[in-house]
Amino acid sequence: MSKPLIAEHFAMIQDQDFKYKPKREAMVRWLSGRGIANQRVLGAMLAVKRHLFMDTLAWDLAYDDNAFPIGGNQTISQPFTVAYMTSLVAEHYPSGRVLEIGTGSGYQAAVLCQLGYQVFTIERIAMLYEKSKKVFSELGLRVMQRHGDGTLGWNEMSPFAAIVVTAGSPDVPNSLLGQLKDGGRLIIPVGDTQSQQMKIYHREGETVYETAAANFSFVPLIGKEGWQG
C-alpha cells in the first residue's frame, strides 16, 4: 500500500471512532472505579484510540480490560496495566523525558506522548519496531524509537525522569538505574516468567530507594540484563 493510501486508510478508520468512543468512555469509567484517580491519565486513556494499535479483527474487543497478542509472542498490555504504570509516572512528573522499554504495539508510548512527555522507546523485535513506527507516523506522534536490547537502555539520550519497563525482569537492570536523573524513577515488574511484582526504584543522589507495589503478569524481558533469549 502506498503512503497516500495508508494515510487515507488511517483517516477513514479514525472517522469510524463514533463506534469506539463510547467503549473508550466506558473503559475510563471502569478504570476510575478500579482506583485510577489521576485525571490527566484518565484523559489520556480516553483520547488514545487503543483499537488502532491492534489488528482490525480485535477492534471490537479493544476496550475490554484484557491483553491481546500482537505477534512475536508479545501482547498489548491491558488498559488497567497501562493506566497504572502511567499513573506512577504522572503523579511525580508533569513533563520530562521518559524511556519505555518494550515498545510492543506502541500503545503505552502513545499514552505517555498524549500526556506531553518526550518519549523514547526501545523494541528488540524488528517486526514490532517497524509496525509501531508506521502507526506512530500515521497518527502524527512524535516518539523517538530504537531497535535493540532494551535492558541496556539508551545511554546517549539519558538521563530520564522516568523509565517504564513493560516486560517482566528477573532483577533490576543496572544499566537502567544508571540512566535515571537525580530524583528519577524506574518502574519495572520483577519476578519469574509467570508473575511479577511492580517495583519502583527512586534515585536520590547516589542512593536508590526501592518500593514494591501490585502484582502483575508480563511477557519476559529478554536481553543482556534480563532473561536470556
Protein backbone atom coordinates (compact mmCIF):
# COMPACT_ATOMS: atom_id res chain seq x y z
CA MET A 1 0.00 0.00 0.00
CA SER A 2 1.44 3.40 -0.97
CA LYS A 3 1.91 6.19 1.59
CA PRO A 4 -1.08 8.26 0.35
CA LEU A 5 -3.30 5.19 0.54
CA ILE A 6 -2.03 4.37 4.04
CA ALA A 7 -2.80 7.92 5.17
CA GLU A 8 -6.26 7.69 3.61
CA HIS A 9 -6.80 4.35 5.35
CA PHE A 10 -5.93 5.81 8.76
CA ALA A 11 -8.17 8.82 8.16
CA MET A 12 -11.03 6.51 7.31
CA ILE A 13 -10.67 4.32 10.39
CA GLN A 14 -10.39 7.36 12.65
CA ASP A 15 -13.65 8.63 11.18
CA GLN A 16 -15.20 5.39 12.45
CA ASP A 17 -14.46 6.42 16.03
CA PHE A 18 -18.13 7.11 16.72
CA LYS A 19 -18.38 3.36 17.30
CA TYR A 20 -15.44 3.11 19.67
CA LYS A 21 -15.61 6.35 21.67
CA PRO A 22 -18.49 5.06 23.87
CA LYS A 23 -16.44 1.90 24.53
CA ARG A 24 -13.46 4.06 25.49
CA GLU A 25 -15.62 6.17 27.78
CA ALA A 26 -16.89 3.01 29.47
CA MET A 27 -13.29 1.80 29.85
CA VAL A 28 -12.29 5.08 31.53
CA ARG A 29 -15.24 4.86 33.95
CA TRP A 30 -14.17 1.32 34.81
CA LEU A 31 -10.54 2.41 35.32
CA SER A 32 -11.70 5.18 37.64
CA GLY A 33 -13.71 2.64 39.61
CA ARG A 34 -10.60 0.45 39.91
CA GLY A 35 -8.68 3.26 41.58
CA ILE A 36 -7.06 5.18 38.72
CA ALA A 37 -7.57 8.68 40.11
CA ASN A 38 -5.18 10.89 38.10
CA GLN A 39 -7.41 12.95 35.82
CA ARG A 40 -4.61 13.62 33.32
CA VAL A 41 -4.07 9.87 32.94
CA LEU A 42 -7.78 9.19 32.55
CA GLY A 43 -7.94 11.93 29.94
CA ALA A 44 -5.08 10.37 28.00
CA MET A 45 -6.70 6.93 28.16
CA LEU A 46 -9.87 8.48 26.74
CA ALA A 47 -8.00 10.30 23.97
CA VAL A 48 -5.77 7.47 22.70
CA LYS A 49 -7.57 5.06 20.39
CA ARG A 50 -6.39 1.64 21.57
CA HIS A 51 -8.04 -0.19 18.68
CA LEU A 52 -5.62 1.46 16.21
CA PHE A 53 -2.76 -0.39 17.90
CA MET A 54 -4.42 -3.78 17.37
CA ASP A 55 -5.35 -5.95 14.41
CA THR A 56 -8.69 -4.99 12.91
CA LEU A 57 -10.24 -8.35 13.83
CA ALA A 58 -9.77 -7.47 17.52
CA TRP A 59 -11.14 -3.92 17.36
CA ASP A 60 -14.48 -4.77 18.98
CA LEU A 61 -12.57 -6.15 21.98
CA ALA A 62 -10.04 -3.31 22.18
CA TYR A 63 -11.58 -1.62 25.22
CA ASP A 64 -12.03 -4.75 27.31
CA ASP A 65 -9.51 -5.00 30.14
CA ASN A 66 -7.52 -7.77 28.53
CA ALA A 67 -4.12 -8.25 26.95
CA PHE A 68 -4.12 -9.38 23.30
CA PRO A 69 -1.46 -10.99 21.09
CA ILE A 70 0.32 -8.64 18.69
CA GLY A 71 2.79 -11.09 17.16
CA GLY A 72 6.28 -12.18 18.12
CA ASN A 73 4.91 -13.89 21.26
CA GLN A 74 4.15 -10.42 22.65
CA THR A 75 0.94 -8.76 23.81
CA ILE A 76 -0.60 -5.32 24.09
CA SER A 77 -0.98 -4.71 27.83
CA GLN A 78 -4.45 -4.50 29.34
CA PRO A 79 -5.73 -0.94 29.83
CA PHE A 80 -5.54 -1.11 33.63
CA THR A 81 -1.85 -2.01 33.48
CA VAL A 82 -1.11 0.87 31.12
CA ALA A 83 -3.09 3.32 33.25
CA TYR A 84 -1.47 2.07 36.46
CA MET A 85 2.10 2.39 35.17
CA THR A 86 1.35 5.75 33.59
CA SER A 87 -0.05 7.00 36.90
CA LEU A 88 3.21 6.09 38.63
CA VAL A 89 4.93 8.48 36.22
CA ALA A 90 2.31 11.25 36.12
CA GLU A 91 1.94 11.60 39.88
CA HIS A 92 5.59 12.70 40.13
CA TYR A 93 6.48 14.26 36.78
CA PRO A 94 4.21 16.64 34.84
CA SER A 95 6.74 16.67 31.99
CA GLY A 96 10.20 15.46 31.01
CA ARG A 97 11.98 12.63 29.26
CA VAL A 98 10.50 9.15 29.65
CA LEU A 99 12.12 5.97 28.36
CA GLU A 100 9.92 2.96 27.63
CA ILE A 101 11.48 -0.49 27.43
CA GLY A 102 9.39 -2.72 25.15
CA THR A 103 7.51 -0.70 22.52
CA GLY A 104 5.28 -3.60 21.54
CA SER A 105 2.18 -2.24 19.83
CA GLY A 106 3.10 1.36 20.70
CA TYR A 107 0.02 1.92 22.89
CA GLN A 108 1.85 2.70 26.14
CA ALA A 109 4.18 5.11 24.34
CA ALA A 110 1.16 6.83 22.74
CA VAL A 111 -0.48 7.37 26.13
CA LEU A 112 2.73 8.88 27.50
CA CYS A 113 3.02 11.05 24.39
CA GLN A 114 -0.58 12.22 24.84
CA LEU A 115 0.41 13.45 28.32
CA GLY A 116 3.11 15.63 26.81
CA TYR A 117 6.22 13.66 27.77
CA GLN A 118 9.24 13.47 25.49
CA VAL A 119 9.02 9.74 24.81
CA PHE A 120 11.86 7.39 23.90
CA THR A 121 11.11 3.72 23.32
CA ILE A 122 13.13 0.59 22.54
CA GLU A 123 11.90 -2.64 20.92
CA ARG A 124 14.02 -5.75 20.36
CA ILE A 125 11.68 -7.45 17.83
CA ALA A 126 12.18 -5.98 14.36
CA MET A 127 8.63 -6.68 13.18
CA LEU A 128 7.09 -4.84 16.13
CA TYR A 129 9.58 -1.99 15.80
CA GLU A 130 8.61 -1.46 12.15
CA LYS A 131 4.89 -1.88 12.76
CA SER A 132 4.79 0.60 15.68
CA LYS A 133 6.96 3.03 13.73
CA LYS A 134 4.35 3.07 10.95
CA VAL A 135 1.49 3.62 13.40
CA PHE A 136 3.31 6.48 15.16
CA SER A 137 3.96 8.12 11.81
CA GLU A 138 0.39 7.84 10.56
CA LEU A 139 -1.02 9.14 13.86
CA GLY A 140 1.44 12.04 13.93
CA LEU A 141 3.01 11.01 17.24
CA ARG A 142 6.49 12.33 17.97
CA VAL A 143 8.18 9.31 19.55
CA MET A 144 11.90 8.57 19.41
CA GLN A 145 12.40 4.88 18.61
CA ARG A 146 15.26 2.43 18.72
CA HIS A 147 15.57 -1.22 17.68
CA GLY A 148 17.77 -3.11 20.13
CA ASP A 149 18.28 -4.56 23.61
CA GLY A 150 16.09 -2.57 25.96
CA THR A 151 17.77 -3.92 29.09
CA LEU A 152 20.76 -1.73 28.21
CA GLY A 153 18.64 1.39 27.92
CA TRP A 154 19.51 4.39 25.75
CA ASN A 155 22.54 5.93 27.37
CA GLU A 156 23.09 8.60 24.71
CA MET A 157 19.67 10.12 25.47
CA SER A 158 19.86 9.85 29.26
CA PRO A 159 19.22 10.94 31.94
CA PHE A 160 15.48 10.21 32.10
CA ALA A 161 12.91 11.45 34.58
CA ALA A 162 11.24 8.06 34.39
CA ILE A 163 11.91 4.67 32.82
CA VAL A 164 8.93 2.36 32.28
CA VAL A 165 9.61 -1.32 31.60
CA THR A 166 6.71 -3.20 30.01
CA ALA A 167 8.11 -6.72 30.44
CA GLY A 168 8.92 -8.85 33.47
CA SER A 169 12.55 -8.95 34.60
CA PRO A 170 14.36 -11.41 36.92
CA ASP A 171 16.06 -8.43 38.56
CA VAL A 172 16.58 -4.70 38.06
CA PRO A 173 18.97 -3.93 35.16
CA ASN A 174 21.86 -1.82 36.44
CA SER A 175 22.13 -0.04 33.08
CA LEU A 176 18.63 1.36 33.52
CA LEU A 177 19.28 2.53 37.08
CA GLY A 178 22.33 4.38 35.81
CA GLN A 179 20.28 6.30 33.26
CA LEU A 180 17.89 7.89 35.77
CA LYS A 181 18.22 11.57 36.54
CA ASP A 182 18.54 12.65 40.16
CA GLY A 183 15.02 12.28 41.52
CA GLY A 184 14.05 9.92 38.68
CA ARG A 185 12.10 6.67 38.94
CA LEU A 186 12.44 3.27 37.29
CA ILE A 187 9.15 1.37 37.15
CA ILE A 188 9.66 -2.32 36.43
CA PRO A 189 7.88 -5.64 37.10
CA VAL A 190 10.32 -8.05 38.79
CA GLY A 191 9.77 -11.77 39.37
CA ASP A 192 9.73 -15.03 37.45
CA THR A 193 8.45 -15.63 33.92
CA GLN A 194 4.86 -16.18 35.11
CA SER A 195 4.19 -13.35 37.57
CA GLN A 196 5.96 -10.29 38.86
CA GLN A 197 5.67 -7.55 41.44
CA MET A 198 5.75 -3.97 40.22
CA LYS A 199 8.71 -2.18 41.76
CA ILE A 200 9.67 1.48 41.79
CA TYR A 201 13.33 2.43 42.12
CA HIS A 202 13.72 6.09 43.11
CA ARG A 203 17.13 7.72 42.73
CA GLU A 204 18.18 10.43 45.20
CA GLY A 205 21.79 11.36 44.52
CA GLU A 206 23.82 8.17 44.84
CA THR A 207 21.10 6.37 46.80
CA VAL A 208 18.36 4.27 45.20
CA TYR A 209 15.20 3.52 47.20
CA GLU A 210 13.01 0.52 46.34
CA THR A 211 9.24 0.39 46.74
CA ALA A 212 7.10 -2.67 45.99
CA ALA A 213 3.61 -2.26 44.55
CA ALA A 214 0.96 -4.52 42.97
CA ASN A 215 1.41 -7.92 41.30
CA PHE A 216 1.12 -8.31 37.53
CA SER A 217 1.92 -10.77 34.76
CA PHE A 218 4.06 -9.60 31.85
CA VAL A 219 5.89 -11.28 29.00
CA PRO A 220 9.60 -11.84 29.85
CA LEU A 221 12.12 -9.03 29.49
CA ILE A 222 14.75 -10.59 27.25
CA GLY A 223 18.23 -9.15 26.90
CA LYS A 224 21.72 -8.96 28.31
CA GLU A 225 20.48 -7.72 31.70
CA GLY A 226 17.16 -9.58 31.67
CA TRP A 227 16.12 -13.12 30.80
CA GLN A 228 18.39 -14.84 28.29
CA GLY A 229 16.68 -15.21 24.92
